[in-house]
């Protein structure tokens, strides 16, 4: 059982890392487009997309943490507390 818990913890860390990295990559791409004077509308769309993906990632991570807790046998895994700060998101 401990091995499965470790796998879930490792996956949660990876999910947190990716949900943080993806919006940053979109913002960086938007900055490159903007700096190059190419398509300002596209750059703006990418910035908005980064915000949307960040919010979606936080929601996804919250549910992933909930189900990881349930898998560990924590039947009181529901929480109204925002724990995304635990992963620096």
N, C-alpha and C. Protein backbone atom coordinates (compact mmCIF):
# COMPACT_ATOMS: atom_id res chain seq x y z
N UNK A 1 0.83 -1.20 0.00
CA UNK A 1 0.00 0.00 0.00
C UNK A 1 0.87 1.26 0.00
N UNK A 2 1.99 1.21 0.74
CA UNK A 2 2.86 2.38 0.81
C UNK A 2 3.42 2.73 -0.57
N UNK A 3 3.72 1.72 -1.36
CA UNK A 3 4.24 1.95 -2.72
C UNK A 3 3.22 2.72 -3.55
N UNK A 4 1.94 2.33 -3.45
CA UNK A 4 0.90 3.02 -4.21
C UNK A 4 0.75 4.46 -3.73
N UNK A 5 0.86 4.67 -2.42
CA UNK A 5 0.78 6.03 -1.89
C UNK A 5 1.93 6.88 -2.42
N UNK A 6 3.13 6.30 -2.48
CA UNK A 6 4.28 7.03 -3.02
C UNK A 6 4.06 7.40 -4.48
N UNK A 7 3.50 6.47 -5.25
CA UNK A 7 3.23 6.75 -6.66
C UNK A 7 2.26 7.91 -6.78
N UNK A 8 1.20 7.89 -5.99
CA UNK A 8 0.22 8.98 -6.03
C UNK A 8 0.86 10.30 -5.64
N UNK A 9 1.69 10.28 -4.59
CA UNK A 9 2.37 11.51 -4.18
C UNK A 9 3.30 12.03 -5.28
N UNK A 10 4.02 11.13 -5.91
CA UNK A 10 4.92 11.53 -7.00
C UNK A 10 4.14 12.11 -8.17
N UNK A 11 3.01 11.50 -8.48
CA UNK A 11 2.18 12.00 -9.57
C UNK A 11 1.58 13.36 -9.23
N UNK A 12 1.19 13.56 -7.98
CA UNK A 12 0.67 14.87 -7.57
C UNK A 12 1.73 15.95 -7.75
N UNK A 13 2.95 15.63 -7.40
CA UNK A 13 4.04 16.58 -7.56
C UNK A 13 4.25 16.89 -9.04
N UNK A 14 4.19 15.86 -9.88
CA UNK A 14 4.36 16.05 -11.32
C UNK A 14 3.20 16.87 -11.90
N UNK A 15 1.99 16.58 -11.47
CA UNK A 15 0.83 17.37 -11.93
C UNK A 15 1.02 18.83 -11.54
N UNK A 16 1.43 19.07 -10.32
CA UNK A 16 1.64 20.44 -9.86
C UNK A 16 2.71 21.13 -10.69
N UNK A 17 3.79 20.41 -10.97
CA UNK A 17 4.88 20.98 -11.77
C UNK A 17 4.39 21.34 -13.17
N UNK A 18 3.66 20.45 -13.78
CA UNK A 18 3.18 20.69 -15.15
C UNK A 18 2.13 21.79 -15.20
N UNK A 19 1.24 21.81 -14.22
CA UNK A 19 0.20 22.85 -14.24
C UNK A 19 0.79 24.22 -13.95
N UNK A 20 1.98 24.26 -13.40
CA UNK A 20 2.67 25.53 -13.21
C UNK A 20 3.50 25.88 -14.45
N UNK A 21 4.13 24.89 -15.06
CA UNK A 21 5.02 25.13 -16.19
C UNK A 21 4.27 25.49 -17.47
N UNK A 22 3.14 24.87 -17.71
CA UNK A 22 2.44 25.09 -18.96
C UNK A 22 1.99 26.54 -19.15
N UNK A 23 1.31 27.14 -18.17
CA UNK A 23 0.94 28.55 -18.36
C UNK A 23 2.15 29.47 -18.53
N UNK A 24 3.23 29.18 -17.81
CA UNK A 24 4.44 29.99 -17.97
C UNK A 24 4.97 29.89 -19.40
N UNK A 25 4.92 28.69 -19.97
CA UNK A 25 5.40 28.51 -21.34
C UNK A 25 4.52 29.30 -22.32
N UNK A 26 3.21 29.30 -22.09
CA UNK A 26 2.32 30.10 -22.94
C UNK A 26 2.64 31.58 -22.83
N UNK A 27 2.89 32.04 -21.59
CA UNK A 27 3.22 33.45 -21.39
C UNK A 27 4.55 33.81 -22.06
N UNK A 28 5.51 32.91 -21.97
CA UNK A 28 6.79 33.17 -22.63
C UNK A 28 6.64 33.24 -24.14
N UNK A 29 5.82 32.36 -24.69
CA UNK A 29 5.58 32.38 -26.14
C UNK A 29 4.88 33.67 -26.52
N UNK A 30 3.92 34.11 -25.70
CA UNK A 30 3.23 35.38 -25.96
C UNK A 30 4.22 36.53 -25.93
N UNK A 31 5.15 36.50 -25.00
CA UNK A 31 6.15 37.57 -24.90
C UNK A 31 7.04 37.61 -26.14
N UNK A 32 7.42 36.44 -26.64
CA UNK A 32 8.25 36.37 -27.84
C UNK A 32 7.49 36.94 -29.04
N UNK A 33 6.23 36.56 -29.16
CA UNK A 33 5.40 37.06 -30.27
C UNK A 33 5.25 38.57 -30.17
N UNK A 34 4.98 39.04 -28.96
CA UNK A 34 4.80 40.48 -28.74
C UNK A 34 6.10 41.25 -29.03
N UNK A 35 7.20 40.74 -28.51
CA UNK A 35 8.49 41.40 -28.71
C UNK A 35 8.88 41.45 -30.18
N UNK A 36 8.48 40.44 -30.92
CA UNK A 36 8.80 40.39 -32.33
C UNK A 36 7.87 41.24 -33.18
N UNK A 37 6.87 41.85 -32.52
CA UNK A 37 5.93 42.70 -33.23
C UNK A 37 5.07 41.94 -34.22
N UNK A 38 4.91 40.67 -34.00
CA UNK A 38 4.18 39.84 -34.96
C UNK A 38 2.68 40.03 -34.83
N UNK A 39 2.03 39.23 -34.06
CA UNK A 39 0.57 39.22 -33.99
C UNK A 39 0.12 39.55 -32.57
N UNK A 40 -0.16 40.83 -32.27
CA UNK A 40 -0.53 41.21 -30.91
C UNK A 40 -1.81 40.53 -30.42
N UNK A 41 -2.73 40.24 -31.33
CA UNK A 41 -3.96 39.55 -30.92
C UNK A 41 -3.66 38.13 -30.46
N UNK A 42 -2.76 37.46 -31.17
CA UNK A 42 -2.36 36.11 -30.78
C UNK A 42 -1.66 36.14 -29.42
N UNK A 43 -0.79 37.11 -29.23
CA UNK A 43 -0.09 37.23 -27.94
C UNK A 43 -1.09 37.42 -26.81
N UNK A 44 -2.09 38.26 -27.03
CA UNK A 44 -3.11 38.50 -26.02
C UNK A 44 -3.92 37.23 -25.74
N UNK A 45 -4.25 36.50 -26.79
CA UNK A 45 -4.98 35.23 -26.62
C UNK A 45 -4.17 34.24 -25.80
N UNK A 46 -2.87 34.19 -26.03
CA UNK A 46 -2.02 33.26 -25.29
C UNK A 46 -1.92 33.64 -23.82
N UNK A 47 -1.88 34.94 -23.53
CA UNK A 47 -1.86 35.38 -22.13
C UNK A 47 -3.16 34.98 -21.43
N UNK A 48 -4.27 35.19 -22.11
CA UNK A 48 -5.57 34.78 -21.53
C UNK A 48 -5.63 33.26 -21.38
N UNK A 49 -5.10 32.55 -22.36
CA UNK A 49 -5.07 31.09 -22.29
C UNK A 49 -4.24 30.63 -21.10
N UNK A 50 -3.15 31.31 -20.83
CA UNK A 50 -2.30 30.96 -19.69
C UNK A 50 -3.08 31.11 -18.39
N UNK A 51 -3.83 32.20 -18.27
CA UNK A 51 -4.66 32.40 -17.07
C UNK A 51 -5.69 31.29 -16.93
N UNK A 52 -6.33 30.95 -18.04
CA UNK A 52 -7.35 29.89 -18.02
C UNK A 52 -6.73 28.56 -17.65
N UNK A 53 -5.59 28.24 -18.24
CA UNK A 53 -4.93 26.98 -17.94
C UNK A 53 -4.45 26.92 -16.49
N UNK A 54 -4.01 28.05 -15.96
CA UNK A 54 -3.59 28.11 -14.56
C UNK A 54 -4.78 27.80 -13.65
N UNK A 55 -5.91 28.44 -13.92
CA UNK A 55 -7.10 28.19 -13.11
C UNK A 55 -7.57 26.74 -13.24
N UNK A 56 -7.58 26.24 -14.46
CA UNK A 56 -7.99 24.85 -14.69
C UNK A 56 -7.04 23.88 -14.00
N UNK A 57 -5.76 24.19 -14.06
CA UNK A 57 -4.76 23.34 -13.41
C UNK A 57 -4.95 23.30 -11.91
N UNK A 58 -5.28 24.45 -11.32
CA UNK A 58 -5.52 24.48 -9.88
C UNK A 58 -6.72 23.62 -9.52
N UNK A 59 -7.77 23.70 -10.32
CA UNK A 59 -8.96 22.89 -10.07
C UNK A 59 -8.63 21.41 -10.22
N UNK A 60 -7.93 21.07 -11.27
CA UNK A 60 -7.54 19.68 -11.52
C UNK A 60 -6.69 19.15 -10.36
N UNK A 61 -5.73 19.95 -9.92
CA UNK A 61 -4.86 19.53 -8.83
C UNK A 61 -5.64 19.32 -7.54
N UNK A 62 -6.60 20.18 -7.28
CA UNK A 62 -7.43 20.03 -6.08
C UNK A 62 -8.17 18.70 -6.11
N UNK A 63 -8.75 18.36 -7.26
CA UNK A 63 -9.46 17.07 -7.37
C UNK A 63 -8.47 15.91 -7.28
N UNK A 64 -7.32 16.03 -7.90
CA UNK A 64 -6.33 14.96 -7.84
C UNK A 64 -5.90 14.69 -6.39
N UNK A 65 -5.70 15.76 -5.63
CA UNK A 65 -5.32 15.61 -4.23
C UNK A 65 -6.46 14.97 -3.43
N UNK A 66 -7.69 15.35 -3.76
CA UNK A 66 -8.85 14.77 -3.09
C UNK A 66 -8.89 13.26 -3.30
N UNK A 67 -8.76 12.84 -4.56
CA UNK A 67 -8.84 11.41 -4.86
C UNK A 67 -7.63 10.65 -4.33
N UNK A 68 -6.48 11.28 -4.26
CA UNK A 68 -5.32 10.63 -3.65
C UNK A 68 -5.58 10.38 -2.17
N UNK A 69 -6.20 11.35 -1.50
CA UNK A 69 -6.54 11.18 -0.09
C UNK A 69 -7.58 10.08 0.09
N UNK A 70 -8.56 10.03 -0.80
CA UNK A 70 -9.57 8.96 -0.74
C UNK A 70 -8.90 7.61 -0.93
N UNK A 71 -7.96 7.53 -1.87
CA UNK A 71 -7.25 6.28 -2.13
C UNK A 71 -6.44 5.83 -0.93
N UNK A 72 -6.01 6.77 -0.10
CA UNK A 72 -5.25 6.45 1.10
C UNK A 72 -6.18 6.05 2.25
N UNK A 73 -7.49 6.06 1.99
CA UNK A 73 -8.44 5.65 3.01
C UNK A 73 -8.98 6.80 3.83
N UNK A 74 -8.67 8.01 3.45
CA UNK A 74 -9.17 9.18 4.15
C UNK A 74 -10.58 9.48 3.64
N UNK A 75 -11.59 9.00 4.38
CA UNK A 75 -12.98 9.18 3.93
C UNK A 75 -13.46 10.60 4.18
N UNK A 76 -12.70 11.37 4.94
CA UNK A 76 -13.05 12.77 5.20
C UNK A 76 -12.17 13.67 4.35
N UNK A 77 -12.01 13.29 3.08
CA UNK A 77 -11.08 14.00 2.20
C UNK A 77 -11.64 15.27 1.61
N UNK A 78 -12.91 15.53 1.83
CA UNK A 78 -13.45 16.77 1.26
C UNK A 78 -13.04 17.94 2.12
N UNK A 79 -12.63 19.00 1.43
CA UNK A 79 -12.15 20.19 2.11
C UNK A 79 -12.48 21.40 1.27
N UNK A 80 -12.89 22.46 1.90
CA UNK A 80 -13.16 23.71 1.20
C UNK A 80 -11.91 24.57 1.13
N UNK A 81 -10.83 24.11 1.72
CA UNK A 81 -9.59 24.87 1.79
C UNK A 81 -8.83 24.80 0.47
N UNK A 82 -8.34 25.93 0.01
CA UNK A 82 -7.53 25.98 -1.20
C UNK A 82 -6.11 25.59 -0.85
N UNK A 83 -5.68 24.44 -1.34
CA UNK A 83 -4.35 23.93 -1.00
C UNK A 83 -3.35 24.11 -2.13
N UNK A 84 -3.70 24.87 -3.15
CA UNK A 84 -2.79 25.02 -4.27
C UNK A 84 -1.51 25.72 -3.88
N UNK A 85 -1.53 26.52 -2.81
CA UNK A 85 -0.32 27.19 -2.35
C UNK A 85 0.74 26.18 -1.89
N UNK A 86 0.28 24.97 -1.50
CA UNK A 86 1.21 23.92 -1.09
C UNK A 86 2.17 23.57 -2.22
N UNK A 87 1.73 23.77 -3.46
CA UNK A 87 2.52 23.42 -4.63
C UNK A 87 3.04 24.65 -5.34
N UNK A 88 2.92 25.81 -4.71
CA UNK A 88 3.44 27.06 -5.26
C UNK A 88 2.85 27.37 -6.64
N UNK A 89 1.52 27.24 -6.72
CA UNK A 89 0.82 27.51 -7.98
C UNK A 89 0.10 28.84 -7.87
